[in-house]
Amino acid sequence: MAPMQDSLTNDTPTDLIAQVRAAAAARTPLRIVGGDTKAFYGEPVAGQPLHTGTWRGIVAHEPSELVITVRAGTPLAEVEAALADKGQHLPFDPPHFAAASGEGATIGGVVAAGLAGPARATVGGVRDYVLGAQFINGQGEWLTFGGQVMKNVAGYDISRALAGSMGTLGLITHLSLKVLPVAPAEATLVFPMDQRDALEQLHRWGGQPLPLNASCWVKDDTAADAPELLFVRLRGAVAAVESASERMAREAGGQRMDNAQAGPDWAACRDQRLPFFDAPSPDQCLWRLSLPQTAPVLDLPYAQLIEWQGAQRWLWAPASAASQIRAAAASVQGHATLFRAGADGAPGVRRFDDESPALQAITQRLREAFDPHGIFNPGRMG
């Protein structure tokens, strides 16, 4: 599996390559650190820190081509500001989690974690926007895959395999990403309805030609009188958004929110800063359930927040509820992730569900090909 001949950039990360080669020679495990905003995600990793924060900068931005190429250590906020200046954005809403150090997320961490925000169900995930990547493998070789154009069929599609790999395949140094223009119009509607009605309504709307962009249903606690609200965000052409807003509000008894209020609320949902994401008690864990969009209401006695038209569901529950939660997710062909452990770290509870044998075999072959000595983030994915 040789690297492609045409390089994304002429930037050579000499220092990072030297550090990886030294670690490979000594068989020293490395813990890749960008902004360290997602250190909580996945299994704990022990290893020598390999910092990417100084490897930063926008290498190229071609607004007319809808492509940006950046060094992996570039802060996400810097990339988004450059895009916004040209009326563009990353449509998949990458989250801006906070780090204890005060550092912000990096673009390399965004791709490595593979996490997307509220718009994921309608616009696609992180890997759908990765056009090309350069990374250092576990032998200190600097490889290039993909390119800088949207239609690229040359070579193996390893650049997209890096999305969600949690740094276990290699150290990303450069990324070329597809970007899109900001939609001309946006509107947020809010509807008072319970979870069952909200899911059914979202499924009906999903089968119609409406400019749906994001949804969020939330009930902050399990008390019978706690408010239950469905929020829906529309984006698209002005006429389409206005027409859909009037029709949906009329059909389901909703109201339109002021964008000045709704915008920060959606950002808070994306970044897990809504009141729902405050842990009810130190021993509670935040669970992420990934389900088919058509999955029904699950028989679980925990407060929930639901995104992605039903496909992503968050809930707070103790680590001891792991079997109950995973069984409920599996009953509808989904899976559960222990996203944030409680104060005790949830010892003995694995963060991720077991992969299928077929997926395990593919994952193992990739890791053996790119990191044969297992030096990158060992054990991060279990």
Protein backbone atom coordinates (compact mmCIF):
# COMPACT_ATOMS: atom_id res chain seq x y z
CA MET A 1 0.00 0.00 0.00
CA ALA A 2 2.36 2.70 -1.23
CA PRO A 3 1.79 6.43 -0.82
CA MET A 4 0.51 8.34 -3.82
CA GLN A 5 3.09 10.31 -5.75
CA ASP A 6 1.30 13.66 -5.80
CA SER A 7 1.59 15.42 -2.45
CA LEU A 8 -1.06 17.61 -0.85
CA THR A 9 1.57 20.14 0.15
CA ASN A 10 5.31 20.62 0.25
CA ASP A 11 5.15 21.14 4.03
CA THR A 12 7.33 18.54 5.72
CA PRO A 13 6.71 17.94 9.45
CA THR A 14 10.34 17.05 10.14
CA ASP A 15 10.15 17.24 13.93
CA LEU A 16 7.04 15.06 14.15
CA ILE A 17 8.54 12.47 11.81
CA ALA A 18 11.70 12.33 13.95
CA GLN A 19 9.69 11.85 17.15
CA VAL A 20 7.67 9.02 15.64
CA ARG A 21 10.75 7.27 14.26
CA ALA A 22 12.46 7.46 17.65
CA ALA A 23 9.37 6.05 19.37
CA ALA A 24 9.08 3.25 16.79
CA ALA A 25 12.73 2.29 17.26
CA ALA A 26 12.32 2.20 21.04
CA ARG A 27 8.80 0.68 20.89
CA THR A 28 7.60 3.62 23.01
CA PRO A 29 3.80 4.11 23.08
CA LEU A 30 2.65 7.58 22.02
CA ARG A 31 -0.44 9.47 23.15
CA ILE A 32 -1.37 11.94 20.42
CA VAL A 33 -2.42 15.31 21.84
CA GLY A 34 -3.95 18.16 19.83
CA GLY A 35 -6.18 20.48 21.83
CA ASP A 36 -6.85 17.63 24.31
CA THR A 37 -10.56 18.50 24.25
CA LYS A 38 -11.61 14.87 23.80
CA ALA A 39 -9.26 13.18 26.26
CA PHE A 40 -12.35 11.77 28.01
CA TYR A 41 -13.49 9.91 24.87
CA GLY A 42 -12.49 6.27 24.52
CA GLU A 43 -10.40 4.08 26.80
CA PRO A 44 -7.61 5.71 28.83
CA VAL A 45 -4.26 5.78 27.03
CA ALA A 46 -0.85 5.57 28.66
CA GLY A 47 2.04 6.82 26.58
CA GLN A 48 4.48 9.60 25.90
CA PRO A 49 2.56 12.71 24.77
CA LEU A 50 3.06 13.66 21.12
CA HIS A 51 1.84 17.22 20.75
CA THR A 52 0.58 18.54 17.41
CA GLY A 53 -0.51 22.01 18.54
CA THR A 54 2.53 23.77 17.05
CA TRP A 55 1.95 22.15 13.65
CA ARG A 56 -0.72 24.61 12.60
CA GLY A 57 -1.75 26.94 9.81
CA ILE A 58 -4.01 27.10 6.78
CA VAL A 59 -1.99 25.91 3.81
CA ALA A 60 -4.50 26.73 1.06
CA HIS A 61 -8.10 27.82 0.74
CA GLU A 62 -9.79 27.84 -2.63
CA PRO A 63 -13.28 29.28 -2.05
CA SER A 64 -14.33 28.77 -5.66
CA GLU A 65 -13.30 25.09 -5.45
CA LEU A 66 -14.94 24.59 -2.02
CA VAL A 67 -11.73 23.11 -0.59
CA ILE A 68 -9.47 24.04 2.31
CA THR A 69 -6.14 22.40 3.19
CA VAL A 70 -4.82 22.80 6.73
CA ARG A 71 -2.18 21.47 9.06
CA ALA A 72 -3.69 19.09 11.59
CA GLY A 73 -2.75 21.16 14.64
CA THR A 74 -4.70 24.18 13.40
CA PRO A 75 -7.42 25.22 15.88
CA LEU A 76 -10.93 24.44 14.67
CA ALA A 77 -11.99 27.99 15.58
CA GLU A 78 -9.31 29.40 13.26
CA VAL A 79 -10.48 27.23 10.36
CA GLU A 80 -14.13 28.18 10.91
CA ALA A 81 -13.27 31.88 11.08
CA ALA A 82 -11.40 31.70 7.76
CA LEU A 83 -14.30 29.92 6.13
CA ALA A 84 -16.89 32.31 7.56
CA ASP A 85 -14.95 35.21 6.07
CA LYS A 86 -15.74 33.71 2.65
CA GLY A 87 -19.33 32.77 3.47
CA GLN A 88 -18.49 29.07 3.89
CA HIS A 89 -18.54 26.49 6.70
CA LEU A 90 -18.02 22.88 7.73
CA PRO A 91 -21.60 21.59 7.38
CA PHE A 92 -21.25 18.67 9.81
CA ASP A 93 -21.11 20.97 12.88
CA PRO A 94 -17.92 19.69 14.58
CA PRO A 95 -18.20 20.11 18.37
CA HIS A 96 -16.01 22.55 20.31
CA PHE A 97 -15.52 20.74 23.59
CA ALA A 98 -13.57 22.58 26.26
CA ALA A 99 -10.24 21.32 27.61
CA ALA A 100 -8.98 21.79 31.16
CA SER A 101 -5.97 23.59 29.70
CA GLY A 102 -8.20 26.13 27.99
CA GLU A 103 -7.01 25.01 24.55
CA GLY A 104 -9.52 24.56 21.75
CA ALA A 105 -10.16 21.64 19.46
CA THR A 106 -7.83 21.12 16.49
CA ILE A 107 -8.90 20.13 13.00
CA GLY A 108 -6.84 16.95 13.25
CA GLY A 109 -8.70 15.99 16.41
CA VAL A 110 -12.01 16.69 14.70
CA VAL A 111 -11.24 14.12 12.01
CA ALA A 112 -9.55 11.60 14.30
CA ALA A 113 -12.52 11.56 16.68
CA GLY A 114 -15.07 11.57 13.85
CA LEU A 115 -17.68 13.42 15.93
CA ALA A 116 -20.32 15.57 14.25
CA GLY A 117 -22.97 17.93 15.57
CA PRO A 118 -26.74 18.39 15.16
CA ALA A 119 -26.74 18.52 11.34
CA ARG A 120 -25.11 15.09 10.90
CA ALA A 121 -28.28 13.25 9.88
CA THR A 122 -28.98 15.49 6.89
CA VAL A 123 -25.56 16.67 5.66
CA GLY A 124 -23.36 13.64 6.36
CA GLY A 125 -20.53 12.93 8.77
CA VAL A 126 -16.89 13.93 9.05
CA ARG A 127 -15.57 11.30 6.64
CA ASP A 128 -17.90 12.58 3.91
CA TYR A 129 -15.92 15.83 3.82
CA VAL A 130 -12.38 14.44 3.91
CA LEU A 131 -10.88 14.70 0.42
CA GLY A 132 -7.29 13.88 1.26
CA ALA A 133 -4.84 13.50 4.09
CA GLN A 134 -1.18 13.20 4.88
CA PHE A 135 -0.11 11.27 7.95
CA ILE A 136 2.88 9.62 9.57
CA ASN A 137 2.55 5.87 10.05
CA GLY A 138 3.97 3.77 12.87
CA GLN A 139 7.30 3.39 11.09
CA GLY A 140 7.83 7.11 10.65
CA GLU A 141 6.89 7.14 6.95
CA TRP A 142 5.02 10.20 5.71
CA LEU A 143 2.17 9.07 3.45
CA THR A 144 -0.33 10.86 1.25
CA PHE A 145 -3.77 9.59 0.29
CA GLY A 146 -6.62 11.23 -1.58
CA GLY A 147 -6.26 14.69 -3.03
CA GLN A 148 -7.72 18.18 -3.17
CA VAL A 149 -10.66 17.69 -5.51
CA MET A 150 -14.14 16.37 -4.82
CA LYS A 151 -14.00 13.74 -7.56
CA ASN A 152 -10.97 11.61 -6.84
CA VAL A 153 -10.81 7.87 -7.48
CA ALA A 154 -7.06 7.28 -7.38
CA GLY A 155 -5.58 4.92 -4.81
CA TYR A 156 -7.00 3.55 -1.58
CA ASP A 157 -9.53 5.68 0.30
CA ILE A 158 -7.44 5.65 3.47
CA SER A 159 -7.96 9.36 4.10
CA ARG A 160 -11.59 8.71 5.01
CA ALA A 161 -10.67 5.69 7.11
CA LEU A 162 -8.77 8.11 9.36
CA ALA A 163 -12.09 9.70 10.37
CA GLY A 164 -13.05 8.13 13.67
CA SER A 165 -9.84 6.09 13.94
CA MET A 166 -8.98 7.88 17.21
CA GLY A 167 -5.33 8.26 16.23
CA THR A 168 -4.74 4.50 16.14
CA LEU A 169 -3.64 4.35 12.47
CA GLY A 170 -1.20 7.22 12.36
CA LEU A 171 -0.47 10.85 13.14
CA ILE A 172 -2.42 13.14 10.81
CA THR A 173 -0.34 16.09 9.58
CA HIS A 174 -2.46 17.66 6.80
CA LEU A 175 -6.10 17.51 5.76
CA SER A 176 -7.96 18.67 2.68
CA LEU A 177 -11.65 19.15 3.43
CA LYS A 178 -14.68 19.86 1.33
CA VAL A 179 -16.58 22.94 2.54
CA LEU A 180 -19.94 24.41 1.53
CA PRO A 181 -21.50 27.87 1.31
CA VAL A 182 -23.53 29.02 4.29
CA ALA A 183 -27.25 28.59 3.54
CA PRO A 184 -29.08 31.80 2.55
CA ALA A 185 -31.79 31.27 5.18
CA GLU A 186 -32.23 29.54 8.52
CA ALA A 187 -35.15 29.09 10.91
CA THR A 188 -35.73 27.17 14.15
CA LEU A 189 -39.15 25.92 15.23
CA VAL A 190 -40.08 24.60 18.68
CA PHE A 191 -42.94 22.16 19.37
CA PRO A 192 -44.26 20.95 22.73
CA MET A 193 -44.61 17.16 22.30
CA ASP A 194 -43.56 13.94 23.95
CA GLN A 195 -40.84 11.67 22.64
CA ARG A 196 -43.11 9.26 20.80
CA ASP A 197 -44.96 12.03 18.96
CA ALA A 198 -41.69 13.83 18.21
CA LEU A 199 -40.14 10.75 16.60
CA GLU A 200 -43.25 10.04 14.54
CA GLN A 201 -43.44 13.67 13.39
CA LEU A 202 -39.77 13.74 12.42
CA HIS A 203 -40.23 10.56 10.37
CA ARG A 204 -43.17 12.09 8.53
CA TRP A 205 -41.26 15.27 7.78
CA GLY A 206 -38.21 13.24 6.75
CA GLY A 207 -40.18 11.72 3.89
CA GLN A 208 -41.17 15.11 2.51
CA PRO A 209 -39.21 17.67 0.45
CA LEU A 210 -38.49 19.98 3.39
CA PRO A 211 -35.19 21.80 4.11
CA LEU A 212 -34.61 19.93 7.39
CA ASN A 213 -31.13 20.45 8.82
CA ALA A 214 -31.15 19.44 12.49
CA SER A 215 -33.44 18.31 15.28
CA CYS A 216 -33.25 18.06 19.05
CA TRP A 217 -35.86 16.59 21.41
CA VAL A 218 -35.19 16.99 25.11
CA LYS A 219 -36.70 16.27 28.50
CA ASP A 220 -34.23 17.38 31.12
CA ASP A 221 -35.36 15.04 33.89
CA THR A 222 -37.70 12.11 34.53
CA ALA A 223 -40.28 14.07 36.52
CA ALA A 224 -43.78 13.72 35.07
CA ASP A 225 -44.26 17.49 34.75
CA ALA A 226 -40.87 18.21 33.12
CA PRO A 227 -41.30 20.04 29.78
CA GLU A 228 -40.82 17.98 26.61
CA LEU A 229 -39.77 20.01 23.59
CA LEU A 230 -38.81 19.28 19.99
CA PHE A 231 -36.58 21.79 18.22
CA VAL A 232 -36.16 21.65 14.43
CA ARG A 233 -33.71 23.69 12.38
CA LEU A 234 -34.34 24.46 8.72
CA ARG A 235 -31.69 25.67 6.27
CA GLY A 236 -31.81 26.40 2.58
CA ALA A 237 -33.22 28.85 0.06
CA VAL A 238 -35.21 31.72 1.54
CA ALA A 239 -38.48 30.73 -0.12
CA ALA A 240 -38.12 27.08 0.90
CA VAL A 241 -37.36 27.90 4.54
CA GLU A 242 -40.21 30.40 4.84
CA SER A 243 -42.74 28.07 3.25
CA ALA A 244 -41.66 25.08 5.36
CA SER A 245 -41.68 27.14 8.57
CA GLU A 246 -45.27 28.26 8.06
CA ARG A 247 -46.48 24.80 7.08
CA MET A 248 -44.73 22.86 9.86
CA ALA A 249 -45.76 25.31 12.58
CA ARG A 250 -49.35 25.10 11.43
CA GLU A 251 -49.38 21.29 11.16
CA ALA A 252 -47.77 20.50 14.52
CA GLY A 253 -48.59 23.53 16.66
CA GLY A 254 -45.11 25.00 16.79
CA GLN A 255 -43.61 28.45 17.11
CA ARG A 256 -40.69 30.06 15.35
CA MET A 257 -37.75 31.17 17.48
CA ASP A 258 -35.66 34.28 17.04
CA ASN A 259 -32.42 33.28 15.30
CA ALA A 260 -30.47 35.42 17.77
CA GLN A 261 -31.62 33.04 20.52
CA ALA A 262 -31.69 29.82 18.53
CA GLY A 263 -28.15 30.12 17.14
CA PRO A 264 -26.40 30.04 20.54
CA ASP A 265 -28.74 27.27 21.68
CA TRP A 266 -27.75 25.05 18.74
CA ALA A 267 -24.07 25.78 19.44
CA ALA A 268 -24.64 24.80 23.07
CA CYS A 269 -26.28 21.56 21.94
CA ARG A 270 -23.35 20.85 19.63
CA ASP A 271 -20.79 21.53 22.37
CA GLN A 272 -22.73 19.78 25.15
CA ARG A 273 -23.27 22.97 27.14
CA LEU A 274 -27.05 22.69 27.46
CA PRO A 275 -28.40 22.12 31.00
CA PHE A 276 -29.13 18.50 30.03
CA PHE A 277 -25.39 17.82 29.79
CA ASP A 278 -24.70 18.78 33.40
CA ALA A 279 -24.19 15.49 35.24
CA PRO A 280 -27.06 14.85 37.68
CA SER A 281 -24.55 13.43 40.18
CA PRO A 282 -20.81 12.58 40.16
CA ASP A 283 -21.43 8.87 39.69
CA GLN A 284 -23.55 9.30 36.55
CA CYS A 285 -22.13 8.52 33.08
CA LEU A 286 -23.16 10.08 29.79
CA TRP A 287 -24.18 7.37 27.33
CA ARG A 288 -24.45 7.81 23.59
CA LEU A 289 -26.83 5.50 21.74
CA SER A 290 -26.45 5.15 17.96
CA LEU A 291 -29.65 3.73 16.51
CA PRO A 292 -31.59 3.51 13.25
CA GLN A 293 -33.59 6.71 12.75
CA THR A 294 -36.82 4.70 12.83
CA ALA A 295 -36.09 3.11 16.22
CA PRO A 296 -39.02 3.50 18.64
CA VAL A 297 -38.98 4.92 22.16
CA LEU A 298 -36.70 2.71 24.27
CA ASP A 299 -37.86 1.29 27.57
CA LEU A 300 -35.22 3.02 29.68
CA PRO A 301 -35.97 5.00 32.88
CA TYR A 302 -33.53 7.82 32.17
CA ALA A 303 -33.86 11.39 30.94
CA GLN A 304 -32.85 11.68 27.30
CA LEU A 305 -31.83 14.14 24.61
CA ILE A 306 -32.40 12.96 21.03
CA GLU A 307 -30.70 14.26 17.88
CA TRP A 308 -30.31 13.25 14.25
CA GLN A 309 -34.06 12.61 13.76
CA GLY A 310 -33.88 9.78 16.30
CA ALA A 311 -30.52 8.25 15.34
CA GLN A 312 -28.46 9.67 18.23
CA ARG A 313 -29.77 9.53 21.80
CA TRP A 314 -28.00 10.77 24.93
CA LEU A 315 -28.82 9.74 28.47
CA TRP A 316 -27.35 9.89 31.96
CA ALA A 317 -27.15 6.60 33.86
CA PRO A 318 -24.75 4.89 36.28
CA ALA A 319 -22.04 2.59 34.96
CA SER A 320 -23.93 -0.31 36.56
CA ALA A 321 -26.68 0.15 33.95
CA ALA A 322 -24.31 -0.77 31.09
CA SER A 323 -25.89 -4.15 30.35
CA GLN A 324 -29.42 -2.73 30.42
CA ILE A 325 -28.52 0.16 28.10
CA ARG A 326 -26.56 -1.97 25.64
CA ALA A 327 -29.30 -4.59 25.51
CA ALA A 328 -31.90 -1.90 24.75
CA ALA A 329 -29.73 -0.48 21.94
CA ALA A 330 -29.02 -3.93 20.50
CA SER A 331 -32.73 -4.79 20.50
CA VAL A 332 -33.24 -2.20 17.73
CA GLN A 333 -29.99 -2.97 15.86
CA GLY A 334 -28.02 -0.16 17.49
CA HIS A 335 -25.11 0.17 19.89
CA ALA A 336 -24.17 2.19 22.97
CA THR A 337 -21.00 4.08 23.90
CA LEU A 338 -19.96 5.16 27.36
CA PHE A 339 -19.15 8.68 26.19
CA ARG A 340 -18.21 10.36 29.48
CA ALA A 341 -17.41 8.26 32.52
CA GLY A 342 -18.45 9.31 36.02
CA ALA A 343 -16.08 10.65 38.65
CA ASP A 344 -14.75 7.15 39.44
CA GLY A 345 -13.89 6.47 35.79
CA ALA A 346 -16.37 3.57 35.50
CA PRO A 347 -13.79 0.82 36.15
CA GLY A 348 -14.52 -2.47 34.44
CA VAL A 349 -17.02 -0.99 31.98
CA ARG A 350 -15.81 -0.87 28.39
CA ARG A 351 -16.36 2.37 26.51
CA PHE A 352 -17.36 0.87 23.16
CA ASP A 353 -19.51 -2.09 22.15
CA ASP A 354 -17.66 -5.06 20.68
CA GLU A 355 -17.17 -4.90 16.92
CA SER A 356 -18.51 -7.64 14.69
CA PRO A 357 -15.92 -10.32 13.77
CA ALA A 358 -15.78 -9.03 10.19
CA LEU A 359 -15.16 -5.44 11.29
CA GLN A 360 -12.60 -6.59 13.86
CA ALA A 361 -10.66 -8.36 11.12
CA ILE A 362 -10.62 -5.28 8.88
CA THR A 363 -9.62 -3.00 11.74
CA GLN A 364 -6.82 -5.31 12.80
CA ARG A 365 -5.42 -5.54 9.27
CA LEU A 366 -5.42 -1.74 8.94
CA ARG A 367 -3.61 -1.31 12.23
CA GLU A 368 -1.05 -3.95 11.35
CA ALA A 369 -0.42 -2.25 8.00
CA PHE A 370 -0.03 1.29 9.32
CA ASP A 371 1.13 0.83 12.92
CA PRO A 372 2.70 -2.64 13.14
CA HIS A 373 4.29 -1.97 16.55
CA GLY A 374 1.13 -0.50 18.06
CA ILE A 375 2.73 2.75 19.23
CA PHE A 376 -0.16 5.15 18.46
CA ASN A 377 -2.81 5.59 21.18
CA PRO A 378 -2.63 1.92 22.24
CA GLY A 379 -5.90 0.67 23.68
CA ARG A 380 -7.85 3.86 22.92
CA MET A 381 -10.58 1.93 21.15
CA GLY A 382 -10.47 -1.07 23.47
